[in-house]
Amino acid sequence: MGELADPSRGNRGQNLPRDLLVARLARDGVVELHELGAHGVSEDAVQRSLVAGRLHPVLPGVYAVGHPTLSRRGKLHAALLWCGEGAVLSHVTAASLWELLPSSSPKVHVTIPRGGRTSRTWVRVHHTRRLAERERSELNGLAITSIERTLVDIAGEISQNRLEQALIRAERRGRLDWATLRTSVRGQRGARALRAVIAAFDPLAPQTNEGLERTFLRLIRKAKLPKPEVNVRVGDYEVDFLWREHKLVVELDSLQYHRTPTAFEQDRKRDIDLKRAGYTVLRITHRRLQDEPAAVTRELRYFLNAGACGACAP
């Protein structure tokens, strides 16, 4: 077997057998033809290794070393190598790696500049006219779209419910830059769906607590429900809305005011204390007010009726 200089030692006389060199060049069990050639491994030598079963074709010009079965990470790396310079993992693949969404898809999604590769059996290639530096990131040594760009990319491909889940997970992990997300969404496919979700969860979106209250009161008037007291004290707490006779409390949940673990725990304690005092507590989000007004109205009517019946009971 021929010998080649070890590139890690700067060609200073330390030689390695070809197979050992190939193994050292491999990352995550895969190696690229161009990289082999750059280190002196000829195409004939590659063909002999393929025949001998030391290399196994994965994608054109990309090989698994020593074993034909690749790990998931090996497939991710192979797809990036095949797609070439500037390629990044993206869409549902990136969302899964960022732990924004679970994914069982066997396909690896990769975004590349315009031109170049087209999709193959298990590699889904997306072309883009622009991928700003701030939209690129690295996760555990793999090139990947930023969390914000990932949310933009998946917005046009998944349901609004799953998009909300992804946004919440990103926010809870403290990884989301809201300003960048608001800028990135412009002009992208799925922008309308993502803007709607941002409006429901972005702490700086134009929906203040006062705005939520106005929306809720409009719903009350439209449904011709009894008018509640607003921002009044019940025991130790100030509540958003109170139907005193019906012992019903409604709290409007906005991420701006309930986003931290401390606030979450305080809300739970508050609800328990109010329930122990005999109150029914409903929490209603901006998204439900916007997307499910009929369901919210039905729930209010039910609990108001139940409270009225309770007040009349002997």
Protein backbone atom coordinates (compact mmCIF):
# COMPACT_ATOMS: atom_id res chain seq x y z
CA MET A 1 0.00 0.00 0.00
CA GLY A 2 1.31 3.40 -0.91
CA GLU A 3 2.07 5.98 1.75
CA LEU A 4 1.11 9.65 1.92
CA ALA A 5 2.28 12.57 4.00
CA ASP A 6 0.19 13.25 7.10
CA PRO A 7 -1.37 16.72 6.50
CA SER A 8 -1.67 17.33 10.23
CA ARG A 9 2.13 17.34 10.54
CA GLY A 10 2.85 19.74 7.69
CA ASN A 11 4.65 17.16 5.50
CA ARG A 12 7.58 17.01 7.88
CA GLY A 13 8.53 13.38 7.20
CA GLN A 14 5.76 11.70 9.16
CA ASN A 15 3.99 9.39 6.68
CA LEU A 16 0.72 7.49 7.07
CA PRO A 17 -0.75 4.51 5.19
CA ARG A 18 -3.46 5.62 2.80
CA ASP A 19 -6.29 3.93 4.72
CA LEU A 20 -5.23 5.59 7.95
CA LEU A 21 -5.06 8.96 6.20
CA VAL A 22 -8.58 8.49 4.81
CA ALA A 23 -9.82 7.58 8.28
CA ARG A 24 -8.27 10.72 9.73
CA LEU A 25 -9.77 12.92 7.02
CA ALA A 26 -13.23 11.49 7.67
CA ARG A 27 -15.57 13.48 9.89
CA ASP A 28 -18.65 11.78 11.30
CA GLY A 29 -17.73 8.76 9.21
CA VAL A 30 -17.80 10.50 5.81
CA VAL A 31 -15.22 11.92 3.46
CA GLU A 32 -15.36 13.89 0.19
CA LEU A 33 -13.61 13.01 -3.07
CA HIS A 34 -12.16 16.52 -3.55
CA GLU A 35 -10.65 16.46 -0.08
CA LEU A 36 -9.10 13.07 -0.74
CA GLY A 37 -7.61 14.36 -3.99
CA ALA A 38 -6.25 17.45 -2.23
CA HIS A 39 -4.29 15.13 0.05
CA GLY A 40 -2.89 12.98 -2.75
CA VAL A 41 -5.38 10.12 -2.87
CA SER A 42 -5.97 9.37 -6.56
CA GLU A 43 -9.33 8.47 -8.08
CA ASP A 44 -7.90 5.04 -8.92
CA ALA A 45 -7.09 4.55 -5.25
CA VAL A 46 -10.61 5.59 -4.35
CA GLN A 47 -12.03 3.07 -6.83
CA ARG A 48 -9.87 0.29 -5.36
CA SER A 49 -11.12 1.20 -1.88
CA LEU A 50 -14.71 1.06 -3.13
CA VAL A 51 -14.16 -2.39 -4.63
CA ALA A 52 -12.47 -3.58 -1.44
CA GLY A 53 -15.33 -2.28 0.70
CA ARG A 54 -13.27 0.26 2.59
CA LEU A 55 -15.29 3.16 1.11
CA HIS A 56 -19.03 3.16 0.44
CA PRO A 57 -20.84 5.68 -1.81
CA VAL A 58 -23.33 7.89 0.02
CA LEU A 59 -23.81 10.73 -2.44
CA PRO A 60 -21.88 11.53 -5.63
CA GLY A 61 -18.32 12.23 -4.53
CA VAL A 62 -19.11 11.59 -0.84
CA TYR A 63 -18.25 8.29 0.85
CA ALA A 64 -18.80 6.51 4.13
CA VAL A 65 -15.56 5.17 5.55
CA GLY A 66 -15.34 1.55 6.68
CA HIS A 67 -19.07 0.92 7.06
CA PRO A 68 -22.03 1.57 4.70
CA THR A 69 -24.45 2.57 7.48
CA LEU A 70 -24.20 6.17 8.64
CA SER A 71 -25.44 7.72 11.85
CA ARG A 72 -27.95 10.57 11.60
CA ARG A 73 -25.12 13.03 12.17
CA GLY A 74 -23.10 11.29 9.45
CA LYS A 75 -25.96 11.85 7.00
CA LEU A 76 -26.18 15.51 8.00
CA HIS A 77 -22.47 15.96 7.38
CA ALA A 78 -22.62 14.04 4.09
CA ALA A 79 -25.44 16.27 2.82
CA LEU A 80 -23.45 19.42 3.69
CA LEU A 81 -20.33 18.07 1.96
CA TRP A 82 -22.26 17.17 -1.17
CA CYS A 83 -24.07 20.52 -1.35
CA GLY A 84 -20.77 22.36 -1.15
CA GLU A 85 -19.54 25.70 0.12
CA GLY A 86 -22.16 27.92 1.73
CA ALA A 87 -24.58 25.06 2.43
CA VAL A 88 -26.44 25.05 5.75
CA LEU A 89 -28.87 22.64 7.36
CA SER A 90 -32.32 24.26 7.32
CA HIS A 91 -36.11 24.00 7.56
CA VAL A 92 -37.46 21.03 9.59
CA THR A 93 -33.97 19.54 9.92
CA ALA A 94 -32.69 22.73 11.55
CA ALA A 95 -35.86 23.01 13.66
CA SER A 96 -35.25 19.50 15.00
CA LEU A 97 -31.57 20.19 15.75
CA TRP A 98 -32.47 23.43 17.56
CA GLU A 99 -35.05 21.37 19.51
CA LEU A 100 -37.89 23.57 18.27
CA LEU A 101 -39.88 20.69 16.80
CA PRO A 102 -39.66 16.91 16.89
CA SER A 103 -39.08 15.42 13.47
CA SER A 104 -39.13 11.86 12.18
CA SER A 105 -38.49 12.89 8.58
CA PRO A 106 -35.76 10.79 6.92
CA LYS A 107 -34.93 13.69 4.61
CA VAL A 108 -32.11 16.12 5.34
CA HIS A 109 -33.05 19.70 4.41
CA VAL A 110 -30.21 21.90 3.18
CA THR A 111 -30.27 25.48 1.92
CA ILE A 112 -27.72 26.63 -0.66
CA PRO A 113 -27.18 29.73 -2.82
CA ARG A 114 -29.02 29.85 -6.15
CA GLY A 115 -27.84 27.19 -8.59
CA GLY A 116 -25.80 24.12 -7.75
CA ARG A 117 -27.36 20.92 -6.48
CA THR A 118 -30.91 19.66 -6.85
CA SER A 119 -32.78 17.40 -4.45
CA ARG A 120 -32.03 13.69 -4.27
CA THR A 121 -33.75 10.75 -2.56
CA TRP A 122 -33.00 11.75 1.03
CA VAL A 123 -31.60 15.26 0.58
CA ARG A 124 -34.07 18.11 0.09
CA VAL A 125 -32.25 21.08 -1.41
CA HIS A 126 -33.66 24.60 -0.98
CA HIS A 127 -32.25 27.48 -3.00
CA THR A 128 -32.11 31.01 -1.69
CA ARG A 129 -31.21 34.36 -3.19
CA ARG A 130 -29.85 35.59 0.10
CA LEU A 131 -28.62 34.14 3.34
CA ALA A 132 -27.16 36.93 5.46
CA GLU A 133 -24.34 36.14 7.85
CA ARG A 134 -26.65 36.71 10.83
CA GLU A 135 -28.95 34.02 9.39
CA ARG A 136 -26.16 31.46 9.51
CA SER A 137 -25.02 29.68 12.64
CA GLU A 138 -23.14 26.61 13.83
CA LEU A 139 -24.42 23.89 16.14
CA ASN A 140 -22.11 21.16 17.38
CA GLY A 141 -19.79 21.72 14.43
CA LEU A 142 -22.52 21.68 11.77
CA ALA A 143 -23.46 24.68 9.61
CA ILE A 144 -27.11 25.52 10.22
CA THR A 145 -29.58 28.36 9.76
CA SER A 146 -30.04 30.62 12.78
CA ILE A 147 -33.07 30.03 14.98
CA GLU A 148 -34.77 33.11 13.54
CA ARG A 149 -34.17 32.07 9.91
CA THR A 150 -35.28 28.53 10.78
CA LEU A 151 -38.62 29.84 12.09
CA VAL A 152 -39.07 31.89 8.92
CA ASP A 153 -38.30 28.86 6.72
CA ILE A 154 -40.69 26.46 8.43
CA ALA A 155 -43.53 29.01 8.69
CA GLY A 156 -44.75 28.22 5.18
CA GLU A 157 -44.51 24.46 5.61
CA ILE A 158 -46.15 23.57 8.94
CA SER A 159 -49.43 24.33 10.69
CA GLN A 160 -49.86 27.47 12.76
CA ASN A 161 -50.22 25.32 15.89
CA ARG A 162 -46.84 23.67 15.33
CA LEU A 163 -45.32 27.04 14.47
CA GLU A 164 -46.57 28.41 17.81
CA GLN A 165 -45.01 25.43 19.59
CA ALA A 166 -41.67 26.08 17.89
CA LEU A 167 -41.76 29.77 18.79
CA ILE A 168 -42.59 29.01 22.42
CA ARG A 169 -39.74 26.48 22.68
CA ALA A 170 -37.28 28.98 21.20
CA GLU A 171 -38.43 31.67 23.64
CA ARG A 172 -38.34 29.38 26.68
CA ARG A 173 -34.78 28.35 25.89
CA GLY A 174 -33.77 32.01 25.79
CA ARG A 175 -32.44 31.59 22.26
CA LEU A 176 -34.76 33.89 20.36
CA ASP A 177 -33.87 37.40 19.21
CA TRP A 178 -37.27 39.04 18.64
CA ALA A 179 -35.83 42.07 16.81
CA THR A 180 -34.01 39.83 14.33
CA LEU A 181 -37.09 37.67 13.85
CA ARG A 182 -39.29 40.67 13.08
CA THR A 183 -36.77 41.87 10.48
CA SER A 184 -36.22 38.42 8.94
CA VAL A 185 -39.90 37.74 8.32
CA ARG A 186 -40.29 40.44 5.68
CA GLY A 187 -40.93 39.18 2.18
CA GLN A 188 -40.57 35.50 3.01
CA ARG A 189 -42.90 32.63 2.21
CA GLY A 190 -45.11 31.97 5.23
CA ALA A 191 -44.62 35.55 6.42
CA ARG A 192 -48.34 36.06 7.07
CA ALA A 193 -48.59 32.99 9.30
CA LEU A 194 -45.45 33.91 11.20
CA ARG A 195 -46.53 37.54 11.68
CA ALA A 196 -49.78 36.28 13.25
CA VAL A 197 -47.86 34.10 15.69
CA ILE A 198 -45.40 36.90 16.48
CA ALA A 199 -48.31 39.21 17.25
CA ALA A 200 -49.58 36.72 19.82
CA PHE A 201 -46.26 36.08 21.56
CA ASP A 202 -43.76 38.87 20.89
CA PRO A 203 -43.40 40.97 24.06
CA LEU A 204 -42.72 44.05 21.90
CA ALA A 205 -45.47 43.46 19.36
CA PRO A 206 -48.17 46.15 19.20
CA GLN A 207 -50.61 44.42 21.55
CA THR A 208 -50.27 45.89 25.04
CA ASN A 209 -52.19 44.61 28.03
CA GLU A 210 -54.61 47.51 27.56
CA GLY A 211 -55.13 46.40 23.98
CA LEU A 212 -55.96 42.88 25.15
CA GLU A 213 -58.46 44.27 27.63
CA ARG A 214 -60.19 46.31 24.91
CA THR A 215 -60.38 43.24 22.67
CA PHE A 216 -61.87 41.20 25.49
CA LEU A 217 -64.45 43.84 26.42
CA ARG A 218 -65.52 44.12 22.75
CA LEU A 219 -66.08 40.36 22.78
CA ILE A 220 -68.20 40.68 25.95
CA ARG A 221 -70.34 43.42 24.41
CA LYS A 222 -70.80 41.55 21.13
CA ALA A 223 -71.89 38.41 22.99
CA LYS A 224 -74.23 40.47 25.21
CA LEU A 225 -72.73 38.99 28.35
CA PRO A 226 -72.93 40.74 31.73
CA LYS A 227 -70.31 43.48 32.07
CA PRO A 228 -67.50 42.56 34.48
CA GLU A 229 -65.57 44.70 36.92
CA VAL A 230 -62.15 45.54 35.54
CA ASN A 231 -58.82 45.51 37.40
CA VAL A 232 -60.27 45.05 40.87
CA ARG A 233 -58.91 43.42 43.99
CA VAL A 234 -60.03 40.02 45.19
CA GLY A 235 -58.37 39.31 48.53
CA ASP A 236 -54.63 39.83 48.10
CA TYR A 237 -54.74 39.98 44.31
CA GLU A 238 -55.76 42.39 41.57
CA VAL A 239 -57.55 40.50 38.83
CA ASP A 240 -58.18 41.52 35.24
CA PHE A 241 -61.93 40.85 35.16
CA LEU A 242 -64.39 39.84 37.85
CA TRP A 243 -68.03 38.78 37.81
CA ARG A 244 -68.46 39.05 41.55
CA GLU A 245 -71.95 37.54 41.77
CA HIS A 246 -70.90 34.58 39.64
CA LYS A 247 -67.53 34.22 41.42
CA LEU A 248 -65.78 34.14 38.02
CA VAL A 249 -62.31 35.61 37.43
CA VAL A 250 -60.75 36.00 33.98
CA GLU A 251 -57.05 36.67 33.55
CA LEU A 252 -55.61 37.68 30.18
CA ASP A 253 -52.31 35.91 29.55
CA SER A 254 -49.71 37.87 27.61
CA LEU A 255 -46.17 36.56 27.18
CA GLN A 256 -44.94 40.04 28.07
CA TYR A 257 -46.21 39.64 31.64
CA HIS A 258 -46.05 35.86 32.13
CA ARG A 259 -42.88 34.83 30.33
CA THR A 260 -40.49 34.08 33.23
CA PRO A 261 -40.44 30.93 35.40
CA THR A 262 -41.06 33.14 38.47
CA ALA A 263 -44.14 34.73 36.91
CA PHE A 264 -45.39 31.30 35.87
CA GLU A 265 -45.10 29.99 39.43
CA GLN A 266 -46.74 33.09 40.87
CA ASP A 267 -49.66 32.70 38.46
CA ARG A 268 -50.19 29.10 39.58
CA LYS A 269 -50.16 30.08 43.27
CA ARG A 270 -52.55 32.96 42.56
CA ASP A 271 -54.99 30.61 40.79
CA ILE A 272 -54.93 28.11 43.66
CA ASP A 273 -55.57 30.82 46.27
CA LEU A 274 -58.50 32.22 44.28
CA LYS A 275 -59.99 28.76 43.77
CA ARG A 276 -59.70 28.04 47.49
CA ALA A 277 -61.68 31.23 48.05
CA GLY A 278 -64.42 29.82 45.83
CA TYR A 279 -63.65 31.54 42.51
CA THR A 280 -63.46 29.95 39.08
CA VAL A 281 -60.36 31.24 37.27
CA LEU A 282 -60.13 31.28 33.46
CA ARG A 283 -56.92 32.22 31.66
CA ILE A 284 -57.36 33.45 28.09
CA THR A 285 -54.51 34.18 25.67
CA HIS A 286 -54.33 36.81 22.96
CA ARG A 287 -54.20 34.05 20.36
CA ARG A 288 -57.49 32.56 21.57
CA LEU A 289 -59.15 35.97 21.60
CA GLN A 290 -58.02 36.48 18.03
CA ASP A 291 -58.54 32.99 16.57
CA GLU A 292 -61.22 31.35 18.75
CA PRO A 293 -63.65 34.10 19.88
CA ALA A 294 -66.69 31.80 19.58
CA ALA A 295 -65.10 29.16 21.81
CA VAL A 296 -64.09 31.78 24.37
CA THR A 297 -67.66 33.13 24.38
CA ARG A 298 -69.10 29.65 24.95
CA GLU A 299 -66.76 29.05 27.88
CA LEU A 300 -67.65 32.39 29.48
CA ARG A 301 -71.37 31.79 29.04
CA TYR A 302 -71.06 28.31 30.57
CA PHE A 303 -69.20 29.48 33.68
CA LEU A 304 -71.41 32.54 34.13
CA ASN A 305 -74.49 30.30 34.01
CA ALA A 306 -72.87 27.81 36.39
CA GLY A 307 -71.99 30.64 38.78
CA ALA A 308 -75.51 32.01 38.64
CA CYS A 309 -76.95 28.58 39.45
CA GLY A 310 -74.48 28.23 42.32
CA ALA A 311 -75.50 31.62 43.72
CA CYS A 312 -79.16 30.57 43.65
CA ALA A 313 -78.59 27.22 45.33
CA PRO A 314 -79.99 26.89 48.85
